Protein backbone atom coordinates (compact mmCIF):
# COMPACT_ATOMS: atom_id res chain seq x y z
CA MET A 1 -53.88 15.60 46.48
CA ARG A 2 -56.00 17.30 48.93
CA GLN A 3 -53.84 19.59 50.76
CA ILE A 4 -55.03 18.60 54.37
CA TYR A 5 -53.16 19.71 57.73
CA ILE A 6 -53.60 19.74 61.10
CA GLY A 7 -52.07 22.82 63.25
CA LEU A 8 -51.76 21.94 67.37
CA MET A 9 -51.32 25.26 70.06
CA SER A 10 -51.30 25.09 73.49
CA GLY A 11 -50.27 28.49 74.64
CA THR A 12 -49.00 30.26 77.93
CA SER A 13 -51.83 30.43 79.39
CA ILE A 14 -52.19 26.36 79.56
CA ASP A 15 -56.08 26.31 79.11
CA ALA A 16 -56.16 23.40 76.57
CA MET A 17 -54.61 22.23 73.71
CA ASP A 18 -56.17 23.31 70.56
CA GLY A 19 -56.39 21.99 66.99
CA VAL A 20 -57.65 22.49 63.92
CA LEU A 21 -57.93 20.07 60.70
CA VAL A 22 -57.75 22.40 57.63
CA GLU A 23 -57.54 22.04 53.89
CA PHE A 24 -55.59 24.45 52.20
CA ASN A 25 -56.74 25.05 48.11
CA ALA A 26 -56.00 28.61 45.89
CA GLY A 27 -56.49 31.39 47.97
CA SER A 28 -58.92 29.51 50.92
CA VAL A 29 -58.11 27.82 54.14
CA ASP A 30 -61.30 25.39 54.68
CA VAL A 31 -61.71 24.40 58.61
CA LEU A 32 -62.86 20.89 58.29
CA ALA A 33 -62.68 20.56 62.38
CA THR A 34 -61.71 21.93 65.01
CA ALA A 35 -60.80 20.00 68.86
CA SER A 36 -59.43 21.29 71.87
CA LYS A 37 -59.01 19.08 75.17
CA LYS A 38 -58.30 20.90 78.54
CA TRP A 39 -55.56 19.94 80.87
CA ALA A 40 -55.86 17.73 83.74
CA GLU A 41 -55.29 20.18 86.80
CA SER A 42 -52.40 18.02 87.71
CA GLU A 43 -50.17 18.37 84.18
CA ALA A 44 -51.30 22.22 83.87
CA SER A 45 -49.71 23.08 87.29
CA LYS A 46 -46.56 20.86 86.25
CA LEU A 47 -45.95 22.82 83.27
CA HIS A 48 -46.91 26.31 85.17
CA ARG A 49 -44.28 24.92 87.40
CA LEU A 50 -41.79 24.09 84.27
CA CYS A 51 -42.21 28.18 83.48
CA ARG A 52 -39.86 29.05 86.52
CA GLU A 53 -36.73 27.24 87.82
CA GLY A 54 -37.31 24.61 90.13
CA ASP A 55 -36.30 21.43 91.41
CA ASN A 56 -36.22 17.83 89.00
CA GLU A 57 -36.65 19.93 86.05
CA ILE A 58 -35.17 17.31 83.70
CA GLU A 59 -37.38 14.43 85.51
CA GLN A 60 -40.43 16.96 84.89
CA ALA A 61 -39.88 17.74 81.79
CA GLY A 62 -39.64 14.01 80.62
CA SER A 63 -43.21 13.45 82.39
CA ALA A 64 -44.54 16.22 80.93
CA LYS A 65 -43.79 15.45 77.40
CA ILE A 66 -45.29 12.47 77.25
CA ALA A 67 -48.88 14.25 78.90
CA ILE A 68 -48.44 16.47 75.52
CA ALA A 69 -48.00 13.82 73.18
CA ASP A 70 -50.67 12.47 74.97
CA ILE A 71 -53.44 15.00 74.83
CA SER A 72 -52.50 15.89 70.95
CA THR A 73 -52.87 12.79 69.98
CA GLU A 74 -56.74 12.94 71.89
CA VAL A 75 -57.39 15.85 70.08
CA ILE A 76 -55.92 14.82 66.57
CA LYS A 77 -58.16 11.59 66.53
CA ASP A 78 -61.16 13.74 67.77
CA LEU A 79 -60.31 15.78 64.59
CA LEU A 80 -59.88 13.03 62.33
CA GLU A 81 -63.90 11.41 63.70
CA LYS A 82 -64.97 14.67 63.25
CA SER A 83 -64.07 15.52 59.74
CA GLY A 84 -64.61 11.86 58.32
CA VAL A 85 -60.85 12.08 57.13
CA GLU A 86 -58.31 9.29 57.28
CA ALA A 87 -54.80 9.89 58.59
CA ARG A 88 -53.48 8.58 55.85
CA GLU A 89 -55.38 11.44 54.01
CA VAL A 90 -53.36 14.40 56.09
CA ILE A 91 -50.13 15.23 54.94
CA ALA A 92 -48.63 16.55 58.57
CA VAL A 93 -49.26 17.51 61.26
CA GLY A 94 -47.84 21.36 62.78
CA ALA A 95 -47.56 20.52 66.89
CA HIS A 96 -46.51 24.20 68.30
CA GLY A 97 -45.57 21.76 71.96
CA GLN A 98 -46.05 24.18 75.11
CA THR A 99 -43.05 26.63 75.77
CA ILE A 100 -41.85 26.71 78.88
CA ARG A 101 -38.37 29.38 78.20
CA HIS A 102 -37.65 31.79 75.96
CA ARG A 103 -34.76 33.25 75.73
CA PRO A 104 -33.60 34.47 72.23
CA GLY A 105 -31.01 36.72 74.07
CA LYS A 106 -29.39 33.36 75.09
CA GLY A 107 -30.15 31.71 71.84
CA PHE A 108 -32.53 29.28 73.17
CA THR A 109 -36.32 28.34 73.39
CA ILE A 110 -37.61 25.37 74.13
CA GLN A 111 -41.31 24.28 72.97
CA LEU A 112 -41.92 21.05 75.27
CA ASN A 113 -42.73 18.49 72.71
CA ASP A 114 -42.52 14.96 71.82
CA GLY A 115 -42.67 14.40 68.24
CA PRO A 116 -42.11 11.01 67.57
CA ARG A 117 -44.30 9.81 70.14
CA ILE A 118 -47.23 12.22 68.18
CA ALA A 119 -46.41 9.85 64.62
CA ALA A 120 -45.95 6.90 66.50
CA ASN A 121 -49.83 7.38 68.20
CA CYS A 122 -51.40 8.50 64.73
CA ASN A 123 -48.91 7.79 61.98
CA ILE A 124 -48.74 11.08 60.49
CA ASP A 125 -45.89 13.09 59.97
CA THR A 126 -45.41 15.43 62.95
CA ILE A 127 -43.36 18.73 62.41
CA VAL A 128 -42.37 20.44 65.98
CA ASP A 129 -40.01 23.02 67.14
CA PHE A 130 -40.71 25.73 64.92
CA ARG A 131 -38.85 28.86 66.87
CA SER A 132 -35.10 27.15 66.69
CA ALA A 133 -34.23 27.87 63.06
CA ASP A 134 -35.15 31.28 63.47
CA ILE A 135 -32.79 31.88 66.72
CA ALA A 136 -30.92 30.46 64.63
CA LYS A 137 -30.46 33.31 62.23
CA HIS A 138 -30.30 35.48 65.23
CA GLY A 139 -33.95 35.99 65.37
CA GLN A 140 -36.31 36.14 67.84
CA GLY A 141 -38.26 32.98 67.59
CA ALA A 142 -41.55 34.90 67.70
CA PRO A 143 -44.16 36.17 66.80
CA LEU A 144 -44.09 33.82 63.94
CA THR A 145 -47.97 34.51 63.27
CA PRO A 146 -47.24 38.05 61.17
CA ALA A 147 -46.67 35.52 58.10
CA PHE A 148 -49.58 33.64 58.53
CA HIS A 149 -51.55 37.23 58.98
CA GLN A 150 -50.32 38.57 55.45
CA MET A 151 -51.57 35.76 53.89
CA ILE A 152 -55.05 35.50 55.79
CA PHE A 153 -55.79 39.85 55.98
CA GLY A 154 -53.94 41.04 54.29
CA SER A 155 -55.44 44.01 52.22
CA PRO A 156 -55.09 45.54 48.78
CA ASP A 157 -57.04 48.84 50.49
CA HIS A 158 -56.20 49.09 54.16
CA ALA A 159 -53.29 49.12 56.40
CA ARG A 160 -54.19 46.42 59.36
CA LEU A 161 -52.90 45.39 62.36
CA VAL A 162 -53.48 42.26 64.05
CA LEU A 163 -53.20 42.02 67.82
CA ASN A 164 -53.09 38.40 69.23
CA LEU A 165 -54.05 37.94 73.18
CA GLY A 166 -52.94 35.03 73.92
CA GLY A 167 -51.03 34.46 77.26
CA ILE A 168 -48.69 37.57 75.45
CA ALA A 169 -49.89 40.29 73.24
CA ASN A 170 -48.81 39.92 69.34
CA LEU A 171 -48.44 42.68 66.95
CA THR A 172 -48.75 42.41 63.37
CA VAL A 173 -48.31 45.96 61.45
CA MET A 174 -49.45 45.53 57.10
CA GLY A 175 -49.41 47.99 55.02
CA LEU A 176 -51.23 47.26 51.69
CA ASN A 177 -51.43 44.41 50.01
CA GLY A 178 -50.86 42.54 53.08
CA ARG A 179 -46.78 43.73 53.42
CA VAL A 180 -45.69 43.19 56.89
CA LEU A 181 -43.94 46.33 58.02
CA GLU A 182 -43.11 44.48 61.45
CA GLY A 183 -44.04 42.34 64.19
CA PHE A 184 -43.43 42.27 67.48
CA ASP A 185 -44.87 41.11 70.95
CA SER A 186 -46.50 44.50 72.47
CA GLY A 187 -46.83 43.30 76.63
CA PRO A 188 -48.72 40.88 77.97
CA ALA A 189 -52.36 39.88 77.32
CA ASN A 190 -54.33 37.15 79.40
CA THR A 191 -50.83 35.60 81.24
CA LEU A 192 -51.62 38.13 84.02
CA ILE A 193 -55.11 38.25 84.83
CA ASP A 194 -54.81 34.68 84.80
CA LEU A 195 -51.87 34.57 87.15
CA ALA A 196 -54.65 36.28 89.82
CA CYS A 197 -57.24 34.18 89.05
CA ARG A 198 -55.56 31.04 89.70
CA LYS A 199 -53.70 32.97 92.82
CA LEU A 200 -56.19 34.63 94.35
CA LEU A 201 -59.64 32.90 93.27
CA ASN A 202 -58.20 29.23 92.12
CA LEU A 203 -60.28 29.88 89.08
CA PRO A 204 -58.47 28.91 85.59
CA PHE A 205 -59.47 32.38 83.87
CA ASP A 206 -62.18 35.22 84.48
CA LYS A 207 -64.74 33.91 82.15
CA ASP A 208 -66.56 36.97 80.14
CA ALA A 209 -64.80 39.36 82.53
CA LYS A 210 -67.26 38.91 85.38
CA ILE A 211 -64.98 39.35 88.16
CA ALA A 212 -63.39 42.10 86.63
CA LEU A 213 -66.21 44.34 85.92
CA ARG A 214 -67.22 44.70 89.28
CA GLY A 215 -64.03 46.27 90.28
CA THR A 216 -62.32 49.44 89.32
CA VAL A 217 -59.03 50.56 88.01
CA ASP A 218 -56.36 51.28 90.34
CA ASN A 219 -54.40 53.90 88.77
CA TYR A 220 -51.03 53.66 91.31
CA TRP A 221 -51.32 50.13 90.56
CA LEU A 222 -51.54 50.29 86.58
CA GLY A 223 -48.80 52.82 86.69
CA SER A 224 -46.48 50.68 88.04
CA PHE A 225 -46.95 48.24 85.76
CA LEU A 226 -46.90 50.43 82.99
CA THR A 227 -43.45 51.09 83.55
CA HIS A 228 -41.85 47.90 83.60
CA PRO A 229 -38.50 47.68 81.26
CA PHE A 230 -40.13 45.66 78.31
CA LEU A 231 -42.46 48.43 77.42
CA LYS A 232 -39.80 50.25 76.60
CA GLN A 233 -38.16 48.45 74.28
CA LYS A 234 -37.83 48.54 70.80
CA PRO A 235 -39.21 45.97 67.85
CA PRO A 236 -37.64 43.17 67.01
CA LYS A 237 -38.94 42.08 70.31
CA SER A 238 -40.36 38.88 72.07
CA SER A 239 -41.84 37.90 75.34
CA GLY A 240 -43.02 35.38 77.65
CA ARG A 241 -43.15 34.21 81.52
CA GLU A 242 -39.76 35.74 81.84
CA ASP A 243 -40.91 38.68 82.02
CA PHE A 244 -44.20 39.44 83.18
CA ASN A 245 -44.73 36.22 85.69
CA GLU A 246 -45.38 36.13 89.56
CA LEU A 247 -42.87 38.79 90.81
CA THR A 248 -44.31 41.16 87.94
CA ILE A 249 -47.97 41.53 90.46
CA ALA A 250 -46.16 40.12 94.30
CA PRO A 251 -47.12 42.92 95.93
CA GLN A 252 -50.40 43.79 94.06
CA LEU A 253 -51.33 39.71 95.31
CA ASN A 254 -50.27 40.03 99.02
CA SER A 255 -52.23 43.66 99.03
CA CYS A 256 -55.28 40.94 98.03
CA ARG A 257 -54.08 38.55 99.99
CA HIS A 258 -55.15 40.73 103.39
CA ASN A 259 -57.81 42.35 101.85
CA PRO A 260 -59.78 39.97 99.32
CA GLU A 261 -62.29 42.54 98.75
CA ARG A 262 -59.31 44.19 96.53
CA ILE A 263 -59.29 40.85 93.78
CA ALA A 264 -61.67 42.25 91.73
CA ASP A 265 -60.24 45.76 91.19
CA LEU A 266 -56.25 43.97 90.59
CA ILE A 267 -58.52 42.06 88.07
CA ARG A 268 -59.77 44.93 85.98
CA THR A 269 -56.53 47.01 86.57
CA LEU A 270 -54.56 44.10 84.31
CA CYS A 271 -57.39 43.73 82.15
CA GLU A 272 -56.65 47.85 81.24
CA PHE A 273 -52.73 47.21 81.48
CA THR A 274 -53.14 44.51 78.92
CA VAL A 275 -55.47 47.05 76.73
CA VAL A 276 -52.86 49.64 77.45
CA ALA A 277 -49.91 48.65 76.57
CA SER A 278 -51.09 47.01 73.23
CA THR A 279 -52.89 50.15 73.02
CA ASN A 280 -49.16 52.38 73.27
CA ALA A 281 -48.16 50.17 70.41
CA ILE A 282 -50.72 50.03 68.23
CA THR A 283 -50.34 54.03 68.40
CA GLU A 284 -46.62 54.45 68.15
CA SER A 285 -46.53 51.91 64.82
CA ILE A 286 -49.54 53.63 63.29
CA LYS A 287 -47.59 57.05 63.69
CA ASP A 288 -43.87 55.07 62.72
CA PHE A 289 -45.20 54.13 59.16
CA ASN A 290 -47.75 56.73 59.05
CA LEU A 291 -51.29 54.66 58.67
CA LYS A 292 -53.97 56.08 57.34
CA ASP A 293 -57.53 54.62 58.53
CA PRO A 294 -56.14 51.59 59.77
CA GLU A 295 -58.08 48.54 61.07
CA LEU A 296 -57.43 46.51 64.33
CA ILE A 297 -57.95 42.74 64.07
CA LEU A 298 -58.21 41.43 67.19
CA CYS A 299 -57.82 37.46 67.80
CA GLY A 300 -57.15 34.84 70.61
CA GLY A 301 -58.32 34.35 73.72
CA GLY A 302 -58.71 37.52 74.70
CA ALA A 303 -60.43 38.14 71.73
CA ARG A 304 -63.23 36.66 73.83
CA ASN A 305 -63.27 38.92 76.85
CA PRO A 306 -65.93 41.82 76.21
CA LEU A 307 -64.21 44.21 78.31
CA ILE A 308 -60.85 44.11 77.19
CA LEU A 309 -62.77 44.27 73.39
CA GLU A 310 -64.49 47.27 74.43
CA ARG A 311 -61.68 49.34 76.14
CA PHE A 312 -59.60 48.57 72.52
CA ARG A 313 -62.56 50.14 70.59
CA GLN A 314 -62.75 52.79 73.36
CA LEU A 315 -58.88 54.28 73.47
CA LEU A 316 -58.71 53.63 69.46
CA ALA A 317 -61.60 55.41 68.08
CA SER A 318 -59.62 59.09 69.06
CA HIS A 319 -57.12 57.39 66.73
CA GLY A 320 -59.44 56.17 63.39
CA VAL A 321 -58.77 53.04 64.29
CA LYS A 322 -61.67 50.45 63.19
CA VAL A 323 -61.31 47.64 66.09
CA PHE A 324 -62.94 43.70 64.54
CA THR A 325 -62.06 40.38 65.74
CA SER A 326 -61.13 37.74 63.40
CA ASP A 327 -64.18 36.14 63.69
CA ASP A 328 -65.59 39.37 61.38
CA PHE A 329 -63.66 37.78 58.73
CA GLY A 330 -64.79 34.38 59.08
CA VAL A 331 -61.61 32.85 61.62
CA ALA A 332 -62.77 31.79 65.04
CA ALA A 333 -60.95 34.13 67.44
CA ASP A 334 -59.19 30.86 69.54
CA SER A 335 -58.78 28.99 66.44
CA LEU A 336 -56.61 31.29 64.40
CA GLU A 337 -52.87 30.16 65.92
CA SER A 338 -53.84 26.63 65.76
CA ILE A 339 -54.19 27.44 61.71
CA ALA A 340 -51.32 29.16 61.57
CA PHE A 341 -48.91 25.89 62.67
CA ALA A 342 -51.02 23.95 60.15
CA TRP A 343 -49.87 26.34 57.55
CA PHE A 344 -46.58 26.18 58.64
CA ALA A 345 -46.34 22.64 58.16
CA ARG A 346 -47.55 23.12 54.70
CA LEU A 347 -45.01 25.60 54.05
CA PHE A 348 -42.13 22.57 55.85
CA MET A 349 -43.67 20.15 53.74
CA ASN A 350 -42.99 22.46 51.01
CA GLY A 351 -39.51 23.43 51.34
CA ILE A 352 -40.53 26.99 51.77
CA THR A 353 -39.21 29.83 54.40
CA ALA A 354 -41.24 31.86 55.97
CA PRO A 355 -41.02 35.89 55.46
CA LEU A 356 -40.32 36.92 59.11
CA LYS A 357 -37.03 38.76 59.11
CA ARG A 358 -39.09 42.49 59.40
CA ALA A 359 -40.80 40.63 62.41
CA THR A 360 -38.24 38.43 64.33
CA GLY A 361 -35.23 40.48 63.68
CA ALA A 362 -33.11 37.34 61.86
CA ARG A 363 -30.94 37.64 59.33
CA GLU A 364 -32.64 35.68 56.77
CA ASP A 365 -35.32 34.05 56.18
CA CYS A 366 -35.47 30.08 56.67
CA ILE A 367 -37.97 26.88 56.72
CA LEU A 368 -39.46 26.38 60.35
CA GLY A 369 -39.66 23.16 62.18
CA SER A 370 -37.97 19.58 62.51
CA LEU A 371 -39.40 16.46 61.20
CA CYS A 372 -40.55 13.60 62.86
CA PRO A 373 -42.12 10.88 60.26
CA ALA A 374 -44.52 8.73 60.67
CA ILE A 375 -43.36 4.93 59.74
CA ASP A 376 -46.66 5.08 57.07
CA GLY A 377 -46.97 8.71 56.62
CA PHE A 378 -46.32 10.98 53.80
CA PHE A 379 -42.89 11.10 53.98
CA ALA A 380 -42.01 7.81 54.12
CA ARG A 381 -44.67 6.98 51.26
CA ASN A 382 -42.30 9.50 49.05
CA CYS A 383 -39.39 8.45 50.30
CA GLN A 384 -40.46 4.99 48.39
CA LYS A 385 -41.83 6.48 45.39
CA MET A 386 -38.20 8.06 44.75
CA PHE A 387 -36.42 4.72 45.40
CA ASN A 388 -38.64 3.12 43.16
CA ASN A 389 -38.50 5.51 39.89
CA ALA A 390 -34.71 5.68 40.79
CA ASN A 391 -34.83 2.02 40.80
CA LEU A 392 -36.56 2.17 37.25
CA GLU A 393 -34.37 4.56 36.10
CA GLU A 394 -31.72 1.94 36.55
CA GLN A 395 -33.32 -0.93 35.14
CA ARG A 396 -33.56 1.67 31.91
CA ARG A 397 -30.31 2.20 32.08
CA SER A 398 -28.83 -1.73 32.67
CA ARG A 399 -31.11 -3.09 29.83
CA SER A 400 -28.96 -0.99 27.30
CA ARG A 401 -25.90 -2.08 28.83
CA GLY A 402 -26.70 -5.66 29.02
CA HIS A 403 -27.10 -5.41 32.58
CA TYR A 404 -30.26 -5.94 33.39
CA SER A 405 -32.22 -9.44 34.94
CA GLU A 406 -36.22 -9.65 35.16
CA THR A 407 -35.57 -11.06 38.59
CA ASP A 408 -34.17 -7.46 39.61
CA ASN A 409 -37.66 -5.82 39.29
CA ALA A 410 -39.21 -7.63 41.39
CA SER A 411 -37.49 -7.97 44.66
CA TYR A 412 -36.85 -4.00 44.58
CA GLU A 413 -40.33 -3.39 43.61
CA ASN A 414 -41.60 -5.40 46.64
CA ASP A 415 -39.28 -5.14 49.49
CA PRO A 416 -37.97 -1.16 49.46
CA GLN A 417 -35.77 -2.65 52.85
CA LEU A 418 -33.74 -4.06 50.26
CA HIS A 419 -32.71 -0.51 49.34
CA LEU A 420 -31.61 0.20 52.91
CA GLN A 421 -29.28 -3.36 52.92
CA ALA A 422 -27.82 -1.88 50.14
CA TYR A 423 -27.06 1.56 51.12
CA ALA A 424 -25.68 -0.20 54.24
CA GLU A 425 -23.04 -2.25 52.45
CA PRO A 426 -19.26 -0.55 52.98
CA ALA A 427 -18.03 0.72 50.57
CA ASP A 428 -15.13 -1.26 49.42
CA THR A 429 -16.65 -4.78 50.45
CA PRO A 430 -18.24 -6.73 47.14
CA PRO A 431 -21.82 -7.44 48.01
CA ALA A 432 -22.52 -11.64 48.39
CA ALA A 433 -22.94 -13.26 44.96
CA GLU A 434 -26.19 -14.30 45.04
CA SER A 435 -27.64 -10.57 45.83
CA LYS A 436 -25.03 -8.83 42.83
CA PRO A 437 -27.58 -8.54 40.53
CA ALA A 438 -29.88 -7.11 42.87
CA VAL A 439 -27.72 -4.23 44.02
CA LYS A 440 -26.45 -3.84 40.28
CA SER A 441 -30.32 -3.08 39.28
CA ALA A 442 -30.43 -0.38 42.38
CA GLY A 443 -27.24 1.23 40.94
CA ILE A 444 -26.05 2.54 44.69
CA ALA A 445 -23.26 -0.35 45.37
CA ARG A 446 -20.08 1.56 45.34
CA ALA A 447 -18.16 -1.18 44.46
CA TYR A 448 -20.37 -2.07 41.56
CA ALA A 449 -20.12 2.12 40.65
CA LYS A 450 -16.27 1.84 40.43
CA LYS A 451 -15.91 -1.15 37.97
CA HIS A 452 -18.47 0.28 35.59
């Protein structure tokens, strides 16, 4: 059976819902299609508002869930059309949802989503809520991608670090053979840069760093950013907009509103903040684990920023670190997280735990996600097969006891709902006379079981 899955991701930047349709083979991941849908401005604004405390949050969250499911449905249908794959061939969708709160210290995280609606719209089993199980095991619930990085980038010859530059930067540190040594969020990536663009220029982001390249680094601003308390915390640690938000750069935003000529300087300084904060984390990990000639692989939207890419290469050259993007390894930088959640969906559907203790600090590895089954999805079809197989086995046993009727086979094979009816019988209520042979052959009526 082909191992086809879909992964969906909308990151902290809330610019688009990205999706991939992939096929997992022994030792490889084949991307069969990619698709992306930009958020409508009104929906993006609503999601941004939900990332901070405000009025009428429950009502707003309810309508946002519908929007997330509907844009997810559009991406899924695009993927199916582009790939020529039928919905029935897809085992599951791994849908991350939109993070609006991440509070592992308080024991919760919220990725807004509507898995049942996606499953109903597409008739494909949908896995959601990937982070809560790790938090239930006293982990940070993030970053999750180190487990995937190990699978796809692990090398017997090189120590490797993978830095995902989404809204928040998260770092995976691997020794030889891909052994994960640690993983953690290392600071902001695009979130503050995008925030400044939205607030000051009404732009979603700084495409190709064109604005930043016109500015210069303000060392006073940079120094104040680098005193952020999160940067002093030791791993395991995770972050989000709770740590890096408008308050983080409020004085600088006010300064730029009064002096618009300084906007480019602020965006340039925020790019530098992203690079320096993660470079400090990278060099500390190299020292802590005594890594020799390590390689750094950049992925996520920030890997497309030419200024950020060049600054990483400049700052890490003296540490002997070679800097690549995931594209150099055949994986599109802006698709990597979507592929990761397709992989997590595969782990879930096979009952496999994700090896994340070293990254999140969880007490033990766990199975990530919650299932939202489709009516004719993989899960339902397999359940029906199990019912039928159990029924055939009971028929074999019934024949040996002389309690079998040929009508039993037809009724249970052709109407799987009879299984549910039989299960619904109260334990102390004998089945009706006309249905007794069918219930006997199913072997699931407790009254019958007691007699025999």
